[in-house]
PDB file of N, CA and C in Angstrom:
ATOM      1  N   MET A   1     -92.776 -45.082 -17.749  1.00  0.00           N
ATOM      2  CA  MET A   1     -92.595 -43.738 -18.243  1.00  0.00           C
ATOM      3  C   MET A   1     -91.133 -43.298 -17.912  1.00  0.00           C
ATOM      4  N   SER A   2     -90.476 -42.644 -18.896  1.00  0.00           N
ATOM      5  CA  SER A   2     -89.092 -42.255 -18.608  1.00  0.00           C
ATOM      6  C   SER A   2     -88.927 -40.855 -18.961  1.00  0.00           C
ATOM      7  N   THR A   3     -87.693 -40.222 -18.541  1.00  0.00           N
ATOM      8  CA  THR A   3     -87.407 -38.815 -18.954  1.00  0.00           C
ATOM      9  C   THR A   3     -86.194 -38.916 -19.932  1.00  0.00           C
ATOM     10  N   LYS A   4     -86.268 -38.084 -20.966  1.00  0.00           N
ATOM     11  CA  LYS A   4     -85.148 -38.031 -21.899  1.00  0.00           C
ATOM     12  C   LYS A   4     -84.977 -36.641 -22.113  1.00  0.00           C
ATOM     13  N   LYS A   5     -83.600 -36.368 -22.382  1.00  0.00           N
ATOM     14  CA  LYS A   5     -83.284 -34.943 -22.712  1.00  0.00           C
ATOM     15  C   LYS A   5     -82.495 -34.850 -24.027  1.00  0.00           C
ATOM     16  N   PHE A   6     -82.777 -33.672 -24.747  1.00  0.00           N
ATOM     17  CA  PHE A   6     -82.169 -33.542 -25.974  1.00  0.00           C
ATOM     18  C   PHE A   6     -81.582 -32.161 -26.181  1.00  0.00           C
ATOM     19  N   LYS A   7     -80.527 -32.089 -26.766  1.00  0.00           N
ATOM     20  CA  LYS A   7     -79.908 -30.785 -27.179  1.00  0.00           C
ATOM     21  C   LYS A   7     -80.658 -30.376 -28.387  1.00  0.00           C
ATOM     22  N   THR A   8     -81.084 -28.987 -28.475  1.00  0.00           N
ATOM     23  CA  THR A   8     -81.870 -28.507 -29.554  1.00  0.00           C
ATOM     24  C   THR A   8     -81.293 -27.150 -29.984  1.00  0.00           C
ATOM     25  N   ASN A   9     -81.916 -26.547 -31.015  1.00  0.00           N
ATOM     26  CA  ASN A   9     -81.714 -25.199 -31.325  1.00  0.00           C
ATOM     27  C   ASN A   9     -83.050 -24.445 -31.189  1.00  0.00           C
ATOM     28  N   ILE A  10     -83.892 -24.855 -30.263  1.00  0.00           N
ATOM     29  CA  ILE A  10     -85.070 -24.138 -29.958  1.00  0.00           C
ATOM     30  C   ILE A  10     -84.779 -23.066 -29.020  1.00  0.00           C
ATOM     31  N   LYS A  11     -84.723 -21.799 -29.311  1.00  0.00           N
ATOM     32  CA  LYS A  11     -84.027 -20.860 -28.595  1.00  0.00           C
ATOM     33  C   LYS A  11     -84.964 -19.729 -28.114  1.00  0.00           C
ATOM     34  N   CYS A  12     -86.293 -19.690 -28.449  1.00  0.00           N
ATOM     35  CA  CYS A  12     -87.019 -18.451 -28.038  1.00  0.00           C
ATOM     36  C   CYS A  12     -88.526 -18.938 -27.936  1.00  0.00           C
ATOM     37  N   GLY A  13     -89.326 -18.010 -27.480  1.00  0.00           N
ATOM     38  CA  GLY A  13     -90.676 -18.216 -27.346  1.00  0.00           C
ATOM     39  C   GLY A  13     -91.457 -18.580 -28.704  1.00  0.00           C
ATOM     40  N   GLY A  14     -90.957 -17.800 -29.659  1.00  0.00           N
ATOM     41  CA  GLY A  14     -91.466 -18.126 -31.123  1.00  0.00           C
ATOM     42  C   GLY A  14     -91.285 -19.486 -31.540  1.00  0.00           C
ATOM     43  N   CYS A  15     -90.005 -19.950 -31.269  1.00  0.00           N
ATOM     44  CA  CYS A  15     -89.588 -21.380 -31.564  1.00  0.00           C
ATOM     45  C   CYS A  15     -90.518 -22.346 -30.851  1.00  0.00           C
ATOM     46  N   ILE A  16     -90.795 -22.035 -29.557  1.00  0.00           N
ATOM     47  CA  ILE A  16     -91.602 -22.948 -28.690  1.00  0.00           C
ATOM     48  C   ILE A  16     -92.993 -22.970 -29.239  1.00  0.00           C
ATOM     49  N   SER A  17     -93.524 -21.816 -29.703  1.00  0.00           N
ATOM     50  CA  SER A  17     -94.750 -21.748 -30.304  1.00  0.00           C
ATOM     51  C   SER A  17     -94.854 -22.670 -31.541  1.00  0.00           C
ATOM     52  N   THR A  18     -93.804 -22.727 -32.289  1.00  0.00           N
ATOM     53  CA  THR A  18     -93.800 -23.512 -33.452  1.00  0.00           C
ATOM     54  C   THR A  18     -93.786 -24.997 -33.143  1.00  0.00           C
ATOM     55  N   VAL A  19     -93.057 -25.467 -32.216  1.00  0.00           N
ATOM     56  CA  VAL A  19     -92.920 -26.806 -31.860  1.00  0.00           C
ATOM     57  C   VAL A  19     -94.108 -27.412 -30.960  1.00  0.00           C
ATOM     58  N   THR A  20     -94.808 -26.481 -30.254  1.00  0.00           N
ATOM     59  CA  THR A  20     -95.765 -26.962 -29.270  1.00  0.00           C
ATOM     60  C   THR A  20     -96.895 -27.847 -29.877  1.00  0.00           C
ATOM     61  N   PRO A  21     -97.446 -27.399 -31.057  1.00  0.00           N
ATOM     62  CA  PRO A  21     -98.570 -28.280 -31.588  1.00  0.00           C
ATOM     63  C   PRO A  21     -98.073 -29.625 -32.067  1.00  0.00           C
ATOM     64  N   ILE A  22     -96.888 -29.709 -32.450  1.00  0.00           N
ATOM     65  CA  ILE A  22     -96.289 -30.987 -32.880  1.00  0.00           C
ATOM     66  C   ILE A  22     -95.854 -31.930 -31.718  1.00  0.00           C
ATOM     67  N   LEU A  23     -95.199 -31.267 -30.669  1.00  0.00           N
ATOM     68  CA  LEU A  23     -94.855 -32.236 -29.465  1.00  0.00           C
ATOM     69  C   LEU A  23     -96.125 -32.587 -28.767  1.00  0.00           C
ATOM     70  N   ASP A  24     -97.139 -31.745 -28.705  1.00  0.00           N
ATOM     71  CA  ASP A  24     -98.399 -32.065 -27.964  1.00  0.00           C
ATOM     72  C   ASP A  24     -99.166 -33.133 -28.669  1.00  0.00           C
ATOM     73  N   LYS A  25     -98.947 -33.342 -29.998  1.00  0.00           N
ATOM     74  CA  LYS A  25     -99.655 -34.416 -30.701  1.00  0.00           C
ATOM     75  C   LYS A  25     -98.873 -35.621 -30.863  1.00  0.00           C
ATOM     76  N   THR A  26     -97.564 -35.615 -30.451  1.00  0.00           N
ATOM     77  CA  THR A  26     -96.666 -36.815 -30.707  1.00  0.00           C
ATOM     78  C   THR A  26     -97.017 -37.821 -29.648  1.00  0.00           C
ATOM     79  N   PRO A  27     -97.520 -39.088 -29.964  1.00  0.00           N
ATOM     80  CA  PRO A  27     -97.749 -40.121 -29.030  1.00  0.00           C
ATOM     81  C   PRO A  27     -96.708 -40.513 -28.184  1.00  0.00           C
ATOM     82  N   GLY A  28     -97.055 -40.581 -26.935  1.00  0.00           N
ATOM     83  CA  GLY A  28     -96.022 -41.081 -25.913  1.00  0.00           C
ATOM     84  C   GLY A  28     -95.298 -39.909 -25.188  1.00  0.00           C
ATOM     85  N   ILE A  29     -95.545 -38.631 -25.568  1.00  0.00           N
ATOM     86  CA  ILE A  29     -95.030 -37.539 -24.920  1.00  0.00           C
ATOM     87  C   ILE A  29     -96.105 -36.938 -23.955  1.00  0.00           C
ATOM     88  N   TYR A  30     -95.872 -37.086 -22.571  1.00  0.00           N
ATOM     89  CA  TYR A  30     -96.988 -36.611 -21.654  1.00  0.00           C
ATOM     90  C   TYR A  30     -96.662 -35.326 -21.167  1.00  0.00           C
ATOM     91  N   LYS A  31     -95.360 -34.961 -21.128  1.00  0.00           N
ATOM     92  CA  LYS A  31     -95.060 -33.529 -20.489  1.00  0.00           C
ATOM     93  C   LYS A  31     -93.698 -33.300 -21.260  1.00  0.00           C
ATOM     94  N   TRP A  32     -93.490 -31.974 -21.534  1.00  0.00           N
ATOM     95  CA  TRP A  32     -92.150 -31.522 -22.159  1.00  0.00           C
ATOM     96  C   TRP A  32     -92.024 -30.111 -21.793  1.00  0.00           C
ATOM     97  N   GLU A  33     -90.677 -29.800 -21.960  1.00  0.00           N
ATOM     98  CA  GLU A  33     -90.235 -28.385 -21.623  1.00  0.00           C
ATOM     99  C   GLU A  33     -88.905 -28.139 -22.272  1.00  0.00           C
ATOM    100  N   VAL A  34     -88.697 -26.833 -22.700  1.00  0.00           N
ATOM    101  CA  VAL A  34     -87.398 -26.463 -23.198  1.00  0.00           C
ATOM    102  C   VAL A  34     -86.730 -25.375 -22.288  1.00  0.00           C
ATOM    103  N   ASP A  35     -85.553 -25.594 -22.008  1.00  0.00           N
ATOM    104  CA  ASP A  35     -84.832 -24.622 -21.077  1.00  0.00           C
ATOM    105  C   ASP A  35     -84.010 -23.795 -22.134  1.00  0.00           C
ATOM    106  N   THR A  36     -84.727 -22.600 -22.384  1.00  0.00           N
ATOM    107  CA  THR A  36     -84.041 -21.643 -23.429  1.00  0.00           C
ATOM    108  C   THR A  36     -82.895 -20.920 -22.834  1.00  0.00           C
ATOM    109  N   ASN A  37     -82.707 -20.970 -21.471  1.00  0.00           N
ATOM    110  CA  ASN A  37     -81.636 -20.270 -20.875  1.00  0.00           C
ATOM    111  C   ASN A  37     -80.365 -21.221 -20.839  1.00  0.00           C
ATOM    112  N   SER A  38     -80.590 -22.390 -21.191  1.00  0.00           N
ATOM    113  CA  SER A  38     -79.410 -23.385 -21.199  1.00  0.00           C
ATOM    114  C   SER A  38     -78.560 -23.086 -22.410  1.00  0.00           C
ATOM    115  N   PRO A  39     -77.401 -23.254 -22.478  1.00  0.00           N
ATOM    116  CA  PRO A  39     -76.516 -23.114 -23.796  1.00  0.00           C
ATOM    117  C   PRO A  39     -76.900 -24.170 -24.702  1.00  0.00           C
ATOM    118  N   ASP A  40     -77.343 -25.344 -24.187  1.00  0.00           N
ATOM    119  CA  ASP A  40     -77.755 -26.476 -25.151  1.00  0.00           C
ATOM    120  C   ASP A  40     -79.267 -26.399 -25.549  1.00  0.00           C
ATOM    121  N   LYS A  41     -80.011 -25.389 -24.924  1.00  0.00           N
ATOM    122  CA  LYS A  41     -81.405 -25.373 -25.355  1.00  0.00           C
ATOM    123  C   LYS A  41     -82.016 -26.628 -25.160  1.00  0.00           C
ATOM    124  N   VAL A  42     -81.962 -27.300 -23.815  1.00  0.00           N
ATOM    125  CA  VAL A  42     -82.332 -28.635 -23.505  1.00  0.00           C
ATOM    126  C   VAL A  42     -83.877 -28.771 -23.434  1.00  0.00           C
ATOM    127  N   LEU A  43     -84.267 -29.788 -24.394  1.00  0.00           N
ATOM    128  CA  LEU A  43     -85.661 -30.190 -24.278  1.00  0.00           C
ATOM    129  C   LEU A  43     -85.866 -31.489 -23.329  1.00  0.00           C
ATOM    130  N   THR A  44     -86.548 -31.419 -22.376  1.00  0.00           N
ATOM    131  CA  THR A  44     -86.875 -32.530 -21.544  1.00  0.00           C
ATOM    132  C   THR A  44     -88.186 -33.024 -21.890  1.00  0.00           C
ATOM    133  N   ILE A  45     -88.241 -34.301 -22.015  1.00  0.00           N
ATOM    134  CA  ILE A  45     -89.524 -35.131 -22.390  1.00  0.00           C
ATOM    135  C   ILE A  45     -89.707 -36.213 -21.246  1.00  0.00           C
ATOM    136  N   GLU A  46     -91.011 -36.182 -20.886  1.00  0.00           N
ATOM    137  CA  GLU A  46     -91.409 -37.311 -19.913  1.00  0.00           C
ATOM    138  C   GLU A  46     -92.488 -38.068 -20.761  1.00  0.00           C
ATOM    139  N   GLY A  47     -92.343 -39.386 -20.779  1.00  0.00           N
ATOM    140  CA  GLY A  47     -93.179 -40.197 -21.411  1.00  0.00           C
ATOM    141  C   GLY A  47     -92.671 -41.512 -22.036  1.00  0.00           C
ATOM    142  N   ASP A  48     -93.286 -42.141 -22.888  1.00  0.00           N
ATOM    143  CA  ASP A  48     -92.832 -43.343 -23.386  1.00  0.00           C
ATOM    144  C   ASP A  48     -92.460 -43.305 -24.856  1.00  0.00           C
ATOM    145  N   ALA A  49     -92.420 -42.072 -25.388  1.00  0.00           N
ATOM    146  CA  ALA A  49     -91.911 -41.827 -26.740  1.00  0.00           C
ATOM    147  C   ALA A  49     -90.550 -42.331 -26.960  1.00  0.00           C
ATOM    148  N   THR A  50     -90.203 -42.893 -28.249  1.00  0.00           N
ATOM    149  CA  THR A  50     -88.712 -43.200 -28.361  1.00  0.00           C
ATOM    150  C   THR A  50     -87.983 -41.918 -28.568  1.00  0.00           C
ATOM    151  N   SER A  51     -86.767 -42.045 -28.636  1.00  0.00           N
ATOM    152  CA  SER A  51     -85.924 -40.828 -28.871  1.00  0.00           C
ATOM    153  C   SER A  51     -85.955 -40.474 -30.278  1.00  0.00           C
ATOM    154  N   ASP A  52     -86.037 -41.399 -31.102  1.00  0.00           N
ATOM    155  CA  ASP A  52     -86.136 -41.183 -32.678  1.00  0.00           C
ATOM    156  C   ASP A  52     -87.559 -40.595 -32.940  1.00  0.00           C
ATOM    157  N   ALA A  53     -88.502 -40.877 -32.178  1.00  0.00           N
ATOM    158  CA  ALA A  53     -89.843 -40.214 -32.480  1.00  0.00           C
ATOM    159  C   ALA A  53     -89.740 -38.777 -32.060  1.00  0.00           C
ATOM    160  N   VAL A  54     -89.058 -38.393 -30.872  1.00  0.00           N
ATOM    161  CA  VAL A  54     -89.002 -37.168 -30.546  1.00  0.00           C
ATOM    162  C   VAL A  54     -88.205 -36.309 -31.402  1.00  0.00           C
ATOM    163  N   ILE A  55     -87.074 -36.907 -31.874  1.00  0.00           N
ATOM    164  CA  ILE A  55     -86.119 -36.113 -32.868  1.00  0.00           C
ATOM    165  C   ILE A  55     -86.869 -35.846 -34.186  1.00  0.00           C
ATOM    166  N   LEU A  56     -87.655 -36.797 -34.605  1.00  0.00           N
ATOM    167  CA  LEU A  56     -88.402 -36.652 -35.773  1.00  0.00           C
ATOM    168  C   LEU A  56     -89.494 -35.416 -35.738  1.00  0.00           C
ATOM    169  N   ALA A  57     -90.102 -35.525 -34.410  1.00  0.00           N
ATOM    170  CA  ALA A  57     -91.150 -34.443 -34.257  1.00  0.00           C
ATOM    171  C   ALA A  57     -90.464 -33.047 -34.273  1.00  0.00           C
ATOM    172  N   VAL A  58     -89.459 -33.006 -33.546  1.00  0.00           N
ATOM    173  CA  VAL A  58     -88.601 -31.646 -33.601  1.00  0.00           C
ATOM    174  C   VAL A  58     -88.189 -31.204 -34.959  1.00  0.00           C
ATOM    175  N   GLU A  59     -87.707 -32.164 -35.732  1.00  0.00           N
ATOM    176  CA  GLU A  59     -87.129 -31.854 -36.959  1.00  0.00           C
ATOM    177  C   GLU A  59     -88.296 -31.537 -38.040  1.00  0.00           C
ATOM    178  N   SER A  60     -89.463 -32.169 -37.816  1.00  0.00           N
ATOM    179  CA  SER A  60     -90.621 -31.835 -38.702  1.00  0.00           C
ATOM    180  C   SER A  60     -91.134 -30.442 -38.404  1.00  0.00           C
ATOM    181  N   ALA A  61     -90.704 -29.909 -37.379  1.00  0.00           N
ATOM    182  CA  ALA A  61     -91.119 -28.373 -36.982  1.00  0.00           C
ATOM    183  C   ALA A  61     -90.005 -27.411 -37.535  1.00  0.00           C
ATOM    184  N   GLY A  62     -88.947 -28.019 -38.001  1.00  0.00           N
ATOM    185  CA  GLY A  62     -87.899 -27.266 -38.672  1.00  0.00           C
ATOM    186  C   GLY A  62     -86.753 -26.924 -37.732  1.00  0.00           C
ATOM    187  N   TYR A  63     -86.604 -27.686 -36.563  1.00  0.00           N
ATOM    188  CA  TYR A  63     -85.500 -27.473 -35.638  1.00  0.00           C
ATOM    189  C   TYR A  63     -84.665 -28.752 -35.635  1.00  0.00           C
ATOM    190  N   SER A  64     -83.618 -28.882 -34.799  1.00  0.00           N
ATOM    191  CA  SER A  64     -82.677 -30.016 -34.734  1.00  0.00           C
ATOM    192  C   SER A  64     -82.733 -30.481 -33.300  1.00  0.00           C
ATOM    193  N   ALA A  65     -82.528 -31.732 -33.081  1.00  0.00           N
ATOM    194  CA  ALA A  65     -82.501 -32.277 -31.727  1.00  0.00           C
ATOM    195  C   ALA A  65     -81.563 -33.544 -31.731  1.00  0.00           C
ATOM    196  N   GLU A  66     -80.734 -33.600 -30.656  1.00  0.00           N
ATOM    197  CA  GLU A  66     -79.833 -34.780 -30.500  1.00  0.00           C
ATOM    198  C   GLU A  66     -80.058 -35.109 -29.071  1.00  0.00           C
ATOM    199  N   THR A  67     -79.920 -36.519 -28.869  1.00  0.00           N
ATOM    200  CA  THR A  67     -80.108 -37.114 -27.528  1.00  0.00           C
ATOM    201  C   THR A  67     -78.847 -36.686 -26.719  1.00  0.00           C
ATOM    202  N   ILE A  68     -79.196 -36.341 -25.377  1.00  0.00           N
ATOM    203  CA  ILE A  68     -78.233 -36.104 -24.543  1.00  0.00           C
ATOM    204  C   ILE A  68     -78.152 -37.447 -23.608  1.00  0.00           C
ATOM    205  N   GLU A  69     -77.053 -38.058 -23.477  1.00  0.00           N
ATOM    206  CA  GLU A  69     -76.938 -39.254 -22.583  1.00  0.00           C
ATOM    207  C   GLU A  69     -76.580 -38.936 -21.244  1.00  0.00           C
ATOM    208  N   ASP A  70     -77.233 -39.391 -20.309  1.00  0.00           N
ATOM    209  CA  ASP A  70     -77.019 -39.090 -18.847  1.00  0.00           C
ATOM    210  C   ASP A  70     -75.821 -39.898 -18.379  1.00  0.00           C
TER     211      ASP A  70
END
């Protein structure tokens, strides 16, 4: 299991409500959270999902995501 971070445009509680059912159903995502106070609205994922799978899930909810390299 690994931790991945993504820059997103998920900026409020309503946005989080929109992505919650999609991220919760994405295979390989065991835990996730969005820091809406961060300028980059960082989505942190714990699990085995690929970065591409996470980005596709976020995009299917109508938002954008790009990988943040540590």
